[in-house]
Amino acid sequence: MRILKALMAPRRGESVDGFDEVDVYDLPALLDRDVAGVYLTGDVDQEFLAEHRALLTEFVRDGGRVLVNGHVQRAFLDGLTRWRKLDFRSPADLVLTRAAHHPVWAGIDPLALLYNSGRREPVPFEELERIGVAGFYGRGCYLDLPENARVVHTIGRTSAPIDYEYPLGAGRVLVHGGNDLLQFSAPHRGTAALGPQIIDWLEGR
């Protein structure tokens, strides 16, 4: 079974880290029985996907899985809701709290996702607090959730949902309201397991 990573202007036909990279405009023609899951990067054309909402929804209802990154403004899958920007003034307004266990984030400390330093070696958290920039993981939330949604992470002092999963027919949809999750899979963060665990979830393991 294939796992598709749909993005804008991919390197055609390449398999990267377990994903078959495809142009988002080719995605509707590729959703066949050989595809187990789809990873949608945050820069995909949501207007285009919305034109194919019925097809994408059918793929999930038939047992497929979709991971949605970014700021959803167009409901291109049944159940999706609109992303909203947070009013934030400090890292405390962007800190992540785990609301429920999820296999994608198993063994990963939410604090490891809060700061970016630009370095590619381990940096103590105390130093990250001093030199790092918060907010790369996400700066917004989803206040309206679909039926039977399970919140995985909340953000900030208001505990607003940023990551959630919901069932859709026989399949599942996972929504991350920020920059692409794969960007945060890195040994220096202690989060190297994130990438493989995303693939496992998309494969339905």
N, C-alpha and C. Protein backbone atom coordinates (compact mmCIF):
# COMPACT_ATOMS: atom_id res chain seq x y z
N MET A 1 0.84 -1.20 0.00
CA MET A 1 0.00 0.00 0.00
C MET A 1 0.88 1.25 0.00
N ARG A 2 0.44 2.26 -0.74
CA ARG A 2 1.22 3.49 -0.88
C ARG A 2 0.73 4.56 0.08
N ILE A 3 1.68 5.40 0.49
CA ILE A 3 1.36 6.60 1.25
C ILE A 3 1.75 7.79 0.39
N LEU A 4 0.78 8.64 0.06
CA LEU A 4 1.03 9.77 -0.81
C LEU A 4 1.26 11.03 0.03
N LYS A 5 2.26 11.79 -0.37
CA LYS A 5 2.50 13.12 0.20
C LYS A 5 2.19 14.13 -0.89
N ALA A 6 1.07 14.83 -0.74
CA ALA A 6 0.61 15.75 -1.77
C ALA A 6 1.08 17.16 -1.44
N LEU A 7 1.76 17.78 -2.39
CA LEU A 7 2.31 19.11 -2.20
C LEU A 7 2.34 19.86 -3.51
N MET A 8 2.73 21.10 -3.44
CA MET A 8 2.85 21.93 -4.64
C MET A 8 4.24 21.74 -5.23
N ALA A 9 4.32 21.51 -6.53
CA ALA A 9 5.59 21.38 -7.26
C ALA A 9 6.55 20.38 -6.62
N PRO A 10 6.16 19.12 -6.50
CA PRO A 10 7.05 18.12 -5.92
C PRO A 10 8.15 17.70 -6.89
N ARG A 11 9.11 16.96 -6.35
CA ARG A 11 10.09 16.31 -7.21
C ARG A 11 9.41 15.08 -7.80
N ARG A 12 9.09 15.14 -9.04
CA ARG A 12 8.20 14.16 -9.68
C ARG A 12 8.68 12.73 -9.52
N GLY A 13 7.74 11.90 -9.09
CA GLY A 13 7.98 10.47 -9.07
C GLY A 13 8.94 9.97 -8.01
N GLU A 14 9.32 10.84 -7.06
CA GLU A 14 10.30 10.43 -6.08
C GLU A 14 9.62 9.87 -4.84
N SER A 15 10.27 8.88 -4.23
CA SER A 15 9.84 8.36 -2.94
C SER A 15 10.80 8.91 -1.91
N VAL A 16 10.26 9.63 -0.93
CA VAL A 16 11.08 10.31 0.07
C VAL A 16 10.62 9.88 1.46
N ASP A 17 11.52 9.21 2.20
CA ASP A 17 11.25 8.83 3.59
C ASP A 17 9.94 8.06 3.74
N GLY A 18 9.65 7.19 2.78
CA GLY A 18 8.45 6.35 2.88
C GLY A 18 7.22 6.93 2.23
N PHE A 19 7.32 8.15 1.70
CA PHE A 19 6.19 8.80 1.03
C PHE A 19 6.43 8.86 -0.47
N ASP A 20 5.39 8.64 -1.26
CA ASP A 20 5.44 8.92 -2.69
C ASP A 20 5.00 10.37 -2.88
N GLU A 21 5.94 11.25 -3.26
CA GLU A 21 5.61 12.66 -3.43
C GLU A 21 4.86 12.87 -4.74
N VAL A 22 3.70 13.52 -4.65
CA VAL A 22 2.86 13.76 -5.82
C VAL A 22 2.38 15.20 -5.82
N ASP A 23 2.12 15.71 -7.02
CA ASP A 23 1.54 17.03 -7.16
C ASP A 23 0.09 16.98 -6.69
N VAL A 24 -0.32 17.95 -5.89
CA VAL A 24 -1.68 17.94 -5.36
C VAL A 24 -2.70 17.92 -6.50
N TYR A 25 -2.36 18.50 -7.67
CA TYR A 25 -3.30 18.54 -8.78
C TYR A 25 -3.46 17.17 -9.45
N ASP A 26 -2.55 16.24 -9.15
CA ASP A 26 -2.68 14.87 -9.64
C ASP A 26 -3.38 13.95 -8.65
N LEU A 27 -3.60 14.44 -7.43
CA LEU A 27 -4.10 13.59 -6.36
C LEU A 27 -5.42 12.90 -6.68
N PRO A 28 -6.44 13.60 -7.20
CA PRO A 28 -7.71 12.92 -7.45
C PRO A 28 -7.59 11.68 -8.34
N ALA A 29 -6.68 11.71 -9.30
CA ALA A 29 -6.52 10.57 -10.22
C ALA A 29 -5.74 9.42 -9.57
N LEU A 30 -5.12 9.67 -8.41
CA LEU A 30 -4.26 8.66 -7.80
C LEU A 30 -4.91 7.94 -6.62
N LEU A 31 -6.10 8.38 -6.23
CA LEU A 31 -6.75 7.78 -5.06
C LEU A 31 -7.41 6.46 -5.45
N ASP A 32 -6.60 5.41 -5.46
CA ASP A 32 -7.12 4.09 -5.79
C ASP A 32 -6.91 3.15 -4.61
N ARG A 33 -7.17 1.87 -4.84
CA ARG A 33 -7.11 0.90 -3.74
C ARG A 33 -5.70 0.63 -3.26
N ASP A 34 -4.71 1.07 -4.02
CA ASP A 34 -3.32 0.88 -3.59
C ASP A 34 -2.85 1.97 -2.63
N VAL A 35 -3.70 2.96 -2.35
CA VAL A 35 -3.34 4.06 -1.46
C VAL A 35 -4.00 3.86 -0.10
N ALA A 36 -3.17 3.82 0.93
CA ALA A 36 -3.69 3.67 2.29
C ALA A 36 -3.93 5.01 2.96
N GLY A 37 -3.04 5.99 2.66
CA GLY A 37 -3.16 7.26 3.34
C GLY A 37 -2.56 8.40 2.54
N VAL A 38 -2.97 9.61 2.89
CA VAL A 38 -2.51 10.81 2.20
C VAL A 38 -2.07 11.84 3.24
N TYR A 39 -0.88 12.39 3.02
CA TYR A 39 -0.34 13.47 3.85
C TYR A 39 -0.42 14.74 3.03
N LEU A 40 -1.18 15.73 3.50
CA LEU A 40 -1.37 16.99 2.78
C LEU A 40 -0.51 18.07 3.44
N THR A 41 0.43 18.62 2.70
CA THR A 41 1.26 19.69 3.25
C THR A 41 0.42 20.96 3.40
N GLY A 42 0.94 21.88 4.20
CA GLY A 42 0.16 23.07 4.52
C GLY A 42 -0.02 24.05 3.40
N ASP A 43 0.74 23.89 2.30
CA ASP A 43 0.66 24.87 1.21
C ASP A 43 -0.22 24.41 0.05
N VAL A 44 -0.93 23.31 0.22
CA VAL A 44 -1.73 22.79 -0.90
C VAL A 44 -2.88 23.74 -1.24
N ASP A 45 -3.35 23.63 -2.47
CA ASP A 45 -4.42 24.47 -2.98
C ASP A 45 -5.76 23.96 -2.43
N GLN A 46 -6.27 24.63 -1.42
CA GLN A 46 -7.51 24.18 -0.80
C GLN A 46 -8.73 24.40 -1.69
N GLU A 47 -8.68 25.42 -2.53
CA GLU A 47 -9.79 25.64 -3.46
C GLU A 47 -9.91 24.46 -4.42
N PHE A 48 -8.75 23.98 -4.91
CA PHE A 48 -8.76 22.83 -5.81
C PHE A 48 -9.29 21.59 -5.08
N LEU A 49 -8.79 21.36 -3.86
CA LEU A 49 -9.25 20.19 -3.11
C LEU A 49 -10.74 20.26 -2.82
N ALA A 50 -11.24 21.47 -2.56
CA ALA A 50 -12.67 21.62 -2.28
C ALA A 50 -13.53 21.21 -3.48
N GLU A 51 -12.99 21.39 -4.68
CA GLU A 51 -13.71 20.96 -5.89
C GLU A 51 -13.83 19.44 -5.95
N HIS A 52 -12.95 18.75 -5.21
CA HIS A 52 -12.95 17.28 -5.21
C HIS A 52 -13.32 16.74 -3.83
N ARG A 53 -14.10 17.52 -3.10
CA ARG A 53 -14.48 17.12 -1.73
C ARG A 53 -15.17 15.76 -1.70
N ALA A 54 -16.07 15.52 -2.61
CA ALA A 54 -16.81 14.25 -2.60
C ALA A 54 -15.86 13.06 -2.79
N LEU A 55 -14.89 13.20 -3.68
CA LEU A 55 -13.94 12.13 -3.94
C LEU A 55 -13.03 11.89 -2.74
N LEU A 56 -12.53 12.96 -2.13
CA LEU A 56 -11.66 12.83 -0.96
C LEU A 56 -12.43 12.23 0.21
N THR A 57 -13.66 12.66 0.38
CA THR A 57 -14.48 12.13 1.47
C THR A 57 -14.76 10.65 1.25
N GLU A 58 -15.04 10.27 0.01
CA GLU A 58 -15.28 8.85 -0.29
C GLU A 58 -14.05 8.01 0.00
N PHE A 59 -12.85 8.54 -0.31
CA PHE A 59 -11.61 7.83 -0.03
C PHE A 59 -11.50 7.52 1.47
N VAL A 60 -11.81 8.51 2.31
CA VAL A 60 -11.72 8.28 3.75
C VAL A 60 -12.84 7.36 4.22
N ARG A 61 -14.04 7.59 3.76
CA ARG A 61 -15.17 6.75 4.20
C ARG A 61 -14.95 5.28 3.85
N ASP A 62 -14.20 5.04 2.80
CA ASP A 62 -13.91 3.65 2.40
C ASP A 62 -12.75 3.05 3.19
N GLY A 63 -12.19 3.79 4.14
CA GLY A 63 -11.14 3.25 4.99
C GLY A 63 -9.80 3.93 4.90
N GLY A 64 -9.68 4.95 4.03
CA GLY A 64 -8.43 5.67 3.90
C GLY A 64 -8.18 6.61 5.07
N ARG A 65 -6.97 7.09 5.14
CA ARG A 65 -6.60 8.05 6.19
C ARG A 65 -5.96 9.27 5.55
N VAL A 66 -6.26 10.44 6.11
CA VAL A 66 -5.71 11.69 5.61
C VAL A 66 -5.18 12.49 6.80
N LEU A 67 -3.96 13.01 6.64
CA LEU A 67 -3.39 13.93 7.62
C LEU A 67 -3.34 15.30 6.97
N VAL A 68 -4.03 16.26 7.58
CA VAL A 68 -4.14 17.62 7.06
C VAL A 68 -3.24 18.54 7.89
N ASN A 69 -2.33 19.24 7.21
CA ASN A 69 -1.49 20.24 7.88
C ASN A 69 -1.95 21.63 7.49
N GLY A 70 -1.70 22.59 8.38
CA GLY A 70 -1.88 23.98 8.01
C GLY A 70 -3.17 24.60 8.48
N HIS A 71 -3.56 25.66 7.77
CA HIS A 71 -4.67 26.52 8.17
C HIS A 71 -5.85 26.27 7.24
N VAL A 72 -6.74 25.42 7.65
CA VAL A 72 -7.89 25.08 6.80
C VAL A 72 -8.83 26.28 6.72
N GLN A 73 -9.06 26.72 5.50
CA GLN A 73 -10.02 27.80 5.24
C GLN A 73 -11.16 27.35 4.33
N ARG A 74 -10.97 26.23 3.64
CA ARG A 74 -12.00 25.65 2.79
C ARG A 74 -12.24 24.20 3.22
N ALA A 75 -13.47 23.83 3.45
CA ALA A 75 -13.79 22.48 3.90
C ALA A 75 -13.73 21.52 2.72
N PHE A 76 -12.55 20.94 2.50
CA PHE A 76 -12.36 20.03 1.37
C PHE A 76 -12.57 18.57 1.75
N LEU A 77 -12.94 18.33 3.00
CA LEU A 77 -13.32 17.00 3.48
C LEU A 77 -14.50 17.18 4.42
N ASP A 78 -15.45 16.26 4.40
CA ASP A 78 -16.54 16.32 5.36
C ASP A 78 -15.95 16.35 6.78
N GLY A 79 -16.47 17.24 7.59
CA GLY A 79 -16.03 17.33 8.98
C GLY A 79 -14.99 18.40 9.26
N LEU A 80 -14.27 18.85 8.24
CA LEU A 80 -13.25 19.87 8.46
C LEU A 80 -13.89 21.18 8.89
N THR A 81 -13.18 21.89 9.77
CA THR A 81 -13.65 23.20 10.22
C THR A 81 -12.57 24.24 9.97
N ARG A 82 -12.89 25.49 10.16
CA ARG A 82 -12.01 26.61 9.80
C ARG A 82 -11.02 26.93 10.90
N TRP A 83 -9.74 27.10 10.49
CA TRP A 83 -8.67 27.50 11.40
C TRP A 83 -8.82 28.96 11.78
N ARG A 84 -8.45 29.26 13.04
CA ARG A 84 -8.52 30.64 13.52
C ARG A 84 -7.20 31.03 14.17
N LYS A 85 -6.75 32.23 13.88
CA LYS A 85 -5.49 32.71 14.45
C LYS A 85 -5.68 33.08 15.91
N LEU A 86 -4.66 32.73 16.73
CA LEU A 86 -4.67 33.08 18.14
C LEU A 86 -4.15 34.50 18.34
N ASP A 87 -4.63 35.14 19.38
CA ASP A 87 -4.04 36.39 19.83
C ASP A 87 -2.96 36.02 20.84
N PHE A 88 -1.70 36.13 20.44
CA PHE A 88 -0.61 35.70 21.33
C PHE A 88 0.39 36.82 21.53
N ARG A 89 0.98 36.82 22.73
CA ARG A 89 1.94 37.86 23.09
C ARG A 89 3.23 37.31 23.68
N SER A 90 3.23 36.04 24.05
CA SER A 90 4.41 35.45 24.66
C SER A 90 4.38 33.94 24.41
N PRO A 91 5.51 33.24 24.64
CA PRO A 91 5.52 31.78 24.48
C PRO A 91 4.45 31.08 25.31
N ALA A 92 4.07 31.66 26.44
CA ALA A 92 3.03 31.03 27.26
C ALA A 92 1.71 30.94 26.52
N ASP A 93 1.51 31.82 25.55
CA ASP A 93 0.27 31.79 24.75
C ASP A 93 0.33 30.75 23.63
N LEU A 94 1.52 30.11 23.47
CA LEU A 94 1.70 29.15 22.39
C LEU A 94 2.13 27.77 22.88
N VAL A 95 2.28 27.61 24.19
CA VAL A 95 2.76 26.35 24.73
C VAL A 95 1.74 25.24 24.45
N LEU A 96 2.24 24.04 24.16
CA LEU A 96 1.39 22.90 23.84
C LEU A 96 1.11 22.07 25.08
N THR A 97 -0.11 21.59 25.19
CA THR A 97 -0.49 20.67 26.25
C THR A 97 -1.11 19.43 25.63
N ARG A 98 -0.64 18.26 26.03
CA ARG A 98 -1.21 17.03 25.49
C ARG A 98 -2.53 16.74 26.19
N ALA A 99 -3.59 16.67 25.40
CA ALA A 99 -4.93 16.41 25.93
C ALA A 99 -5.28 14.93 25.89
N ALA A 100 -4.67 14.19 24.96
CA ALA A 100 -4.96 12.76 24.83
C ALA A 100 -3.78 12.08 24.14
N HIS A 101 -3.56 10.83 24.48
CA HIS A 101 -2.51 10.05 23.81
C HIS A 101 -2.88 9.85 22.35
N HIS A 102 -1.85 9.89 21.50
CA HIS A 102 -2.06 9.58 20.08
C HIS A 102 -0.79 8.93 19.56
N PRO A 103 -0.92 7.87 18.76
CA PRO A 103 0.28 7.14 18.30
C PRO A 103 1.25 7.98 17.47
N VAL A 104 0.78 9.02 16.79
CA VAL A 104 1.70 9.87 16.02
C VAL A 104 2.71 10.58 16.93
N TRP A 105 2.26 10.98 18.11
CA TRP A 105 3.12 11.73 19.03
C TRP A 105 3.61 10.87 20.21
N ALA A 106 3.49 9.56 20.10
CA ALA A 106 3.87 8.68 21.21
C ALA A 106 5.35 8.88 21.55
N GLY A 107 5.64 9.09 22.83
CA GLY A 107 7.02 9.23 23.28
C GLY A 107 7.64 10.59 23.00
N ILE A 108 6.86 11.54 22.49
CA ILE A 108 7.40 12.86 22.14
C ILE A 108 6.89 13.90 23.14
N ASP A 109 7.82 14.61 23.75
CA ASP A 109 7.49 15.65 24.72
C ASP A 109 6.98 16.88 23.98
N PRO A 110 5.78 17.38 24.31
CA PRO A 110 5.28 18.58 23.63
C PRO A 110 6.23 19.77 23.75
N LEU A 111 7.01 19.85 24.82
CA LEU A 111 7.95 20.96 24.97
C LEU A 111 9.02 20.94 23.88
N ALA A 112 9.31 19.75 23.34
CA ALA A 112 10.32 19.64 22.27
C ALA A 112 9.85 20.28 20.97
N LEU A 113 8.58 20.61 20.89
CA LEU A 113 8.01 21.17 19.67
C LEU A 113 7.79 22.68 19.75
N LEU A 114 8.03 23.25 20.94
CA LEU A 114 7.66 24.65 21.16
C LEU A 114 8.60 25.64 20.50
N TYR A 115 9.92 25.44 20.63
CA TYR A 115 10.89 26.44 20.17
C TYR A 115 11.67 25.98 18.95
N ASN A 116 12.05 26.93 18.12
CA ASN A 116 13.03 26.72 17.06
C ASN A 116 14.25 27.59 17.36
N SER A 117 15.44 27.02 17.20
CA SER A 117 16.66 27.78 17.46
C SER A 117 17.51 27.97 16.20
N GLY A 118 17.23 27.20 15.14
CA GLY A 118 18.06 27.24 13.94
C GLY A 118 19.25 26.32 14.03
N ARG A 119 19.48 25.73 15.18
CA ARG A 119 20.61 24.82 15.36
C ARG A 119 20.20 23.40 15.00
N ARG A 120 21.19 22.59 14.65
CA ARG A 120 20.94 21.20 14.30
C ARG A 120 21.64 20.25 15.27
N GLU A 121 21.79 20.71 16.50
CA GLU A 121 22.32 19.85 17.56
C GLU A 121 21.43 20.05 18.79
N PRO A 122 21.45 19.10 19.73
CA PRO A 122 20.60 19.24 20.92
C PRO A 122 20.92 20.53 21.68
N VAL A 123 19.88 21.22 22.10
CA VAL A 123 20.01 22.45 22.87
C VAL A 123 19.17 22.30 24.14
N PRO A 124 19.76 22.51 25.32
CA PRO A 124 18.99 22.40 26.57
C PRO A 124 17.77 23.32 26.54
N PHE A 125 16.69 22.85 27.15
CA PHE A 125 15.44 23.62 27.10
C PHE A 125 15.61 25.01 27.70
N GLU A 126 16.40 25.12 28.76
CA GLU A 126 16.61 26.43 29.39
C GLU A 126 17.24 27.41 28.39
N GLU A 127 18.15 26.90 27.55
CA GLU A 127 18.76 27.77 26.55
C GLU A 127 17.77 28.09 25.43
N LEU A 128 16.94 27.11 25.07
CA LEU A 128 15.92 27.37 24.06
C LEU A 128 14.97 28.47 24.52
N GLU A 129 14.64 28.47 25.80
CA GLU A 129 13.77 29.52 26.32
C GLU A 129 14.41 30.90 26.16
N ARG A 130 15.75 30.93 26.21
CA ARG A 130 16.47 32.20 26.12
C ARG A 130 16.68 32.65 24.68
N ILE A 131 17.02 31.69 23.77
CA ILE A 131 17.39 32.07 22.41
C ILE A 131 16.37 31.66 21.34
N GLY A 132 15.47 30.76 21.69
CA GLY A 132 14.57 30.19 20.68
C GLY A 132 13.40 31.11 20.35
N VAL A 133 12.72 30.75 19.27
CA VAL A 133 11.53 31.47 18.83
C VAL A 133 10.36 30.49 18.88
N ALA A 134 9.32 30.86 19.59
CA ALA A 134 8.14 30.00 19.71
C ALA A 134 7.14 30.31 18.60
N GLY A 135 6.29 29.35 18.33
CA GLY A 135 5.20 29.58 17.39
C GLY A 135 5.32 28.89 16.06
N PHE A 136 6.45 28.23 15.80
CA PHE A 136 6.59 27.53 14.52
C PHE A 136 5.66 26.33 14.44
N TYR A 137 5.43 25.67 15.57
CA TYR A 137 4.55 24.51 15.55
C TYR A 137 3.12 24.92 15.21
N GLY A 138 2.71 26.05 15.73
CA GLY A 138 1.36 26.52 15.44
C GLY A 138 1.05 27.81 16.16
N ARG A 139 0.20 28.63 15.53
CA ARG A 139 -0.19 29.92 16.11
C ARG A 139 -1.69 30.11 16.01
N GLY A 140 -2.42 29.02 15.92
CA GLY A 140 -3.86 29.12 15.79
C GLY A 140 -4.54 27.86 16.30
N CYS A 141 -5.83 27.77 16.05
CA CYS A 141 -6.60 26.68 16.65
C CYS A 141 -7.85 26.38 15.82
N TYR A 142 -8.54 25.35 16.25
CA TYR A 142 -9.82 24.96 15.66
C TYR A 142 -10.85 24.92 16.79
N LEU A 143 -11.67 25.96 16.88
CA LEU A 143 -12.63 26.03 17.97
C LEU A 143 -13.86 25.18 17.70
N ASP A 144 -14.23 25.04 16.44
CA ASP A 144 -15.38 24.22 16.07
C ASP A 144 -14.86 22.85 15.61
N LEU A 145 -15.28 21.82 16.31
CA LEU A 145 -14.78 20.47 16.00
C LEU A 145 -15.90 19.59 15.47
N PRO A 146 -15.55 18.65 14.59
CA PRO A 146 -16.57 17.72 14.08
C PRO A 146 -17.02 16.75 15.16
N GLU A 147 -18.11 16.10 14.88
CA GLU A 147 -18.68 15.14 15.82
C GLU A 147 -17.68 14.01 16.10
N ASN A 148 -17.57 13.63 17.36
CA ASN A 148 -16.69 12.54 17.82
C ASN A 148 -15.21 12.85 17.65
N ALA A 149 -14.86 14.12 17.52
CA ALA A 149 -13.44 14.49 17.42
C ALA A 149 -12.76 14.27 18.76
N ARG A 150 -11.48 13.87 18.66
CA ARG A 150 -10.66 13.72 19.86
C ARG A 150 -9.51 14.71 19.78
N VAL A 151 -9.43 15.62 20.73
CA VAL A 151 -8.37 16.63 20.77
C VAL A 151 -7.09 15.97 21.28
N VAL A 152 -5.99 16.17 20.54
CA VAL A 152 -4.70 15.60 20.93
C VAL A 152 -3.86 16.63 21.67
N HIS A 153 -3.77 17.84 21.13
CA HIS A 153 -3.03 18.92 21.78
C HIS A 153 -3.89 20.17 21.83
N THR A 154 -3.71 20.92 22.91
CA THR A 154 -4.26 22.26 22.97
C THR A 154 -3.10 23.24 23.00
N ILE A 155 -3.40 24.51 22.73
CA ILE A 155 -2.36 25.52 22.66
C ILE A 155 -2.72 26.71 23.54
N GLY A 156 -1.71 27.20 24.25
CA GLY A 156 -1.84 28.43 25.00
C GLY A 156 -2.63 28.32 26.29
N ARG A 157 -2.84 29.49 26.91
CA ARG A 157 -3.52 29.55 28.20
C ARG A 157 -5.00 29.24 28.08
N THR A 158 -5.55 29.41 26.87
CA THR A 158 -6.98 29.16 26.67
C THR A 158 -7.28 27.70 26.35
N SER A 159 -6.23 26.89 26.21
CA SER A 159 -6.40 25.45 25.91
C SER A 159 -7.24 25.23 24.66
N ALA A 160 -6.94 25.99 23.62
CA ALA A 160 -7.66 25.86 22.35
C ALA A 160 -7.11 24.69 21.56
N PRO A 161 -7.95 23.88 20.92
CA PRO A 161 -7.48 22.71 20.16
C PRO A 161 -6.63 23.11 18.95
N ILE A 162 -5.48 22.47 18.81
CA ILE A 162 -4.63 22.67 17.63
C ILE A 162 -4.46 21.39 16.83
N ASP A 163 -4.46 20.24 17.50
CA ASP A 163 -4.36 18.94 16.83
C ASP A 163 -5.56 18.09 17.24
N TYR A 164 -6.25 17.52 16.26
CA TYR A 164 -7.38 16.66 16.60
C TYR A 164 -7.57 15.59 15.52
N GLU A 165 -8.24 14.52 15.90
CA GLU A 165 -8.55 13.42 14.99
C GLU A 165 -10.04 13.13 15.06
N TYR A 166 -10.60 12.73 13.92
CA TYR A 166 -12.01 12.34 13.96
C TYR A 166 -12.26 11.20 12.97
N PRO A 167 -13.25 10.35 13.28
CA PRO A 167 -13.60 9.27 12.37
C PRO A 167 -14.49 9.80 11.25
N LEU A 168 -14.34 9.20 10.08
CA LEU A 168 -15.18 9.54 8.93
C LEU A 168 -15.44 8.23 8.19
N GLY A 169 -16.63 7.69 8.38
CA GLY A 169 -16.92 6.37 7.82
C GLY A 169 -15.98 5.35 8.40
N ALA A 170 -15.34 4.55 7.52
CA ALA A 170 -14.40 3.53 7.97
C ALA A 170 -12.99 4.06 8.13
N GLY A 171 -12.76 5.34 7.77
CA GLY A 171 -11.43 5.93 7.83
C GLY A 171 -11.30 6.98 8.91
N ARG A 172 -10.19 7.69 8.88
CA ARG A 172 -9.92 8.69 9.90
C ARG A 172 -9.19 9.89 9.28
N VAL A 173 -9.41 11.05 9.92
CA VAL A 173 -8.77 12.29 9.51
C VAL A 173 -8.03 12.86 10.72
N LEU A 174 -6.77 13.24 10.52
CA LEU A 174 -5.97 13.87 11.56
C LEU A 174 -5.62 15.28 11.08
N VAL A 175 -5.89 16.27 11.91
CA VAL A 175 -5.69 17.67 11.54
C VAL A 175 -4.66 18.30 12.47
N HIS A 176 -3.64 18.91 11.87
CA HIS A 176 -2.63 19.65 12.63
C HIS A 176 -2.67 21.11 12.17
N GLY A 177 -2.99 22.02 13.07
CA GLY A 177 -3.19 23.41 12.71
C GLY A 177 -1.94 24.25 12.74
N GLY A 178 -0.90 23.81 12.03
CA GLY A 178 0.35 24.57 12.00
C GLY A 178 1.24 24.12 10.87
N ASN A 179 2.53 24.45 10.98
CA ASN A 179 3.50 24.04 9.96
C ASN A 179 3.58 22.52 9.86
N ASP A 180 4.03 22.03 8.70
CA ASP A 180 4.02 20.59 8.44
C ASP A 180 4.69 19.80 9.56
N LEU A 181 4.00 18.79 10.03
CA LEU A 181 4.53 17.97 11.13
C LEU A 181 5.88 17.35 10.81
N LEU A 182 6.09 16.97 9.56
CA LEU A 182 7.36 16.32 9.21
C LEU A 182 8.56 17.22 9.45
N GLN A 183 8.36 18.53 9.47
CA GLN A 183 9.45 19.45 9.76
C GLN A 183 9.97 19.30 11.19
N PHE A 184 9.15 18.72 12.04
CA PHE A 184 9.49 18.61 13.45
C PHE A 184 10.05 17.25 13.81
N SER A 185 10.24 16.39 12.82
CA SER A 185 10.84 15.08 13.06
C SER A 185 12.34 15.20 12.90
N ALA A 186 13.05 15.31 14.03
CA ALA A 186 14.49 15.58 13.98
C ALA A 186 15.19 15.00 15.20
N PRO A 187 16.33 14.32 14.98
CA PRO A 187 17.07 13.74 16.11
C PRO A 187 17.49 14.77 17.15
N HIS A 188 17.89 15.97 16.71
CA HIS A 188 18.38 16.96 17.68
C HIS A 188 17.28 17.46 18.60
N ARG A 189 16.03 17.29 18.21
CA ARG A 189 14.90 17.64 19.06
C ARG A 189 14.49 16.49 19.98
N GLY A 190 14.96 15.29 19.66
CA GLY A 190 14.46 14.12 20.35
C GLY A 190 13.12 13.67 19.80
N THR A 191 12.85 14.04 18.54
CA THR A 191 11.54 13.76 17.93
C THR A 191 11.67 12.95 16.64
N ALA A 192 12.76 12.23 16.49
CA ALA A 192 13.00 11.49 15.24
C ALA A 192 11.91 10.47 14.96
N ALA A 193 11.21 10.01 15.98
CA ALA A 193 10.16 8.99 15.80
C ALA A 193 8.91 9.56 15.14
N LEU A 194 8.79 10.88 15.10
CA LEU A 194 7.56 11.48 14.59
C LEU A 194 7.28 11.07 13.14
N GLY A 195 8.28 11.12 12.27
CA GLY A 195 8.08 10.76 10.86
C GLY A 195 7.60 9.33 10.68
N PRO A 196 8.34 8.33 11.23
CA PRO A 196 7.89 6.94 11.11
C PRO A 196 6.51 6.71 11.73
N GLN A 197 6.20 7.40 12.81
CA GLN A 197 4.91 7.21 13.46
C GLN A 197 3.77 7.82 12.63
N ILE A 198 4.07 8.88 11.87
CA ILE A 198 3.07 9.41 10.94
C ILE A 198 2.76 8.37 9.86
N ILE A 199 3.81 7.75 9.32
CA ILE A 199 3.60 6.72 8.30
C ILE A 199 2.79 5.56 8.86
N ASP A 200 3.14 5.10 10.07
CA ASP A 200 2.41 4.00 10.68
C ASP A 200 0.93 4.34 10.81
N TRP A 201 0.65 5.57 11.23
CA TRP A 201 -0.77 5.96 11.40
C TRP A 201 -1.47 6.01 10.04
N LEU A 202 -0.81 6.55 9.04
CA LEU A 202 -1.43 6.63 7.71
C LEU A 202 -1.65 5.24 7.11
N GLU A 203 -0.82 4.31 7.48
CA GLU A 203 -1.00 2.93 7.01
C GLU A 203 -2.04 2.18 7.81
N GLY A 204 -2.53 2.79 8.89
CA GLY A 204 -3.57 2.16 9.69
C GLY A 204 -3.06 1.17 10.70
N ARG A 205 -1.77 1.27 11.04
CA ARG A 205 -1.20 0.33 12.02
C ARG A 205 -1.64 0.69 13.44
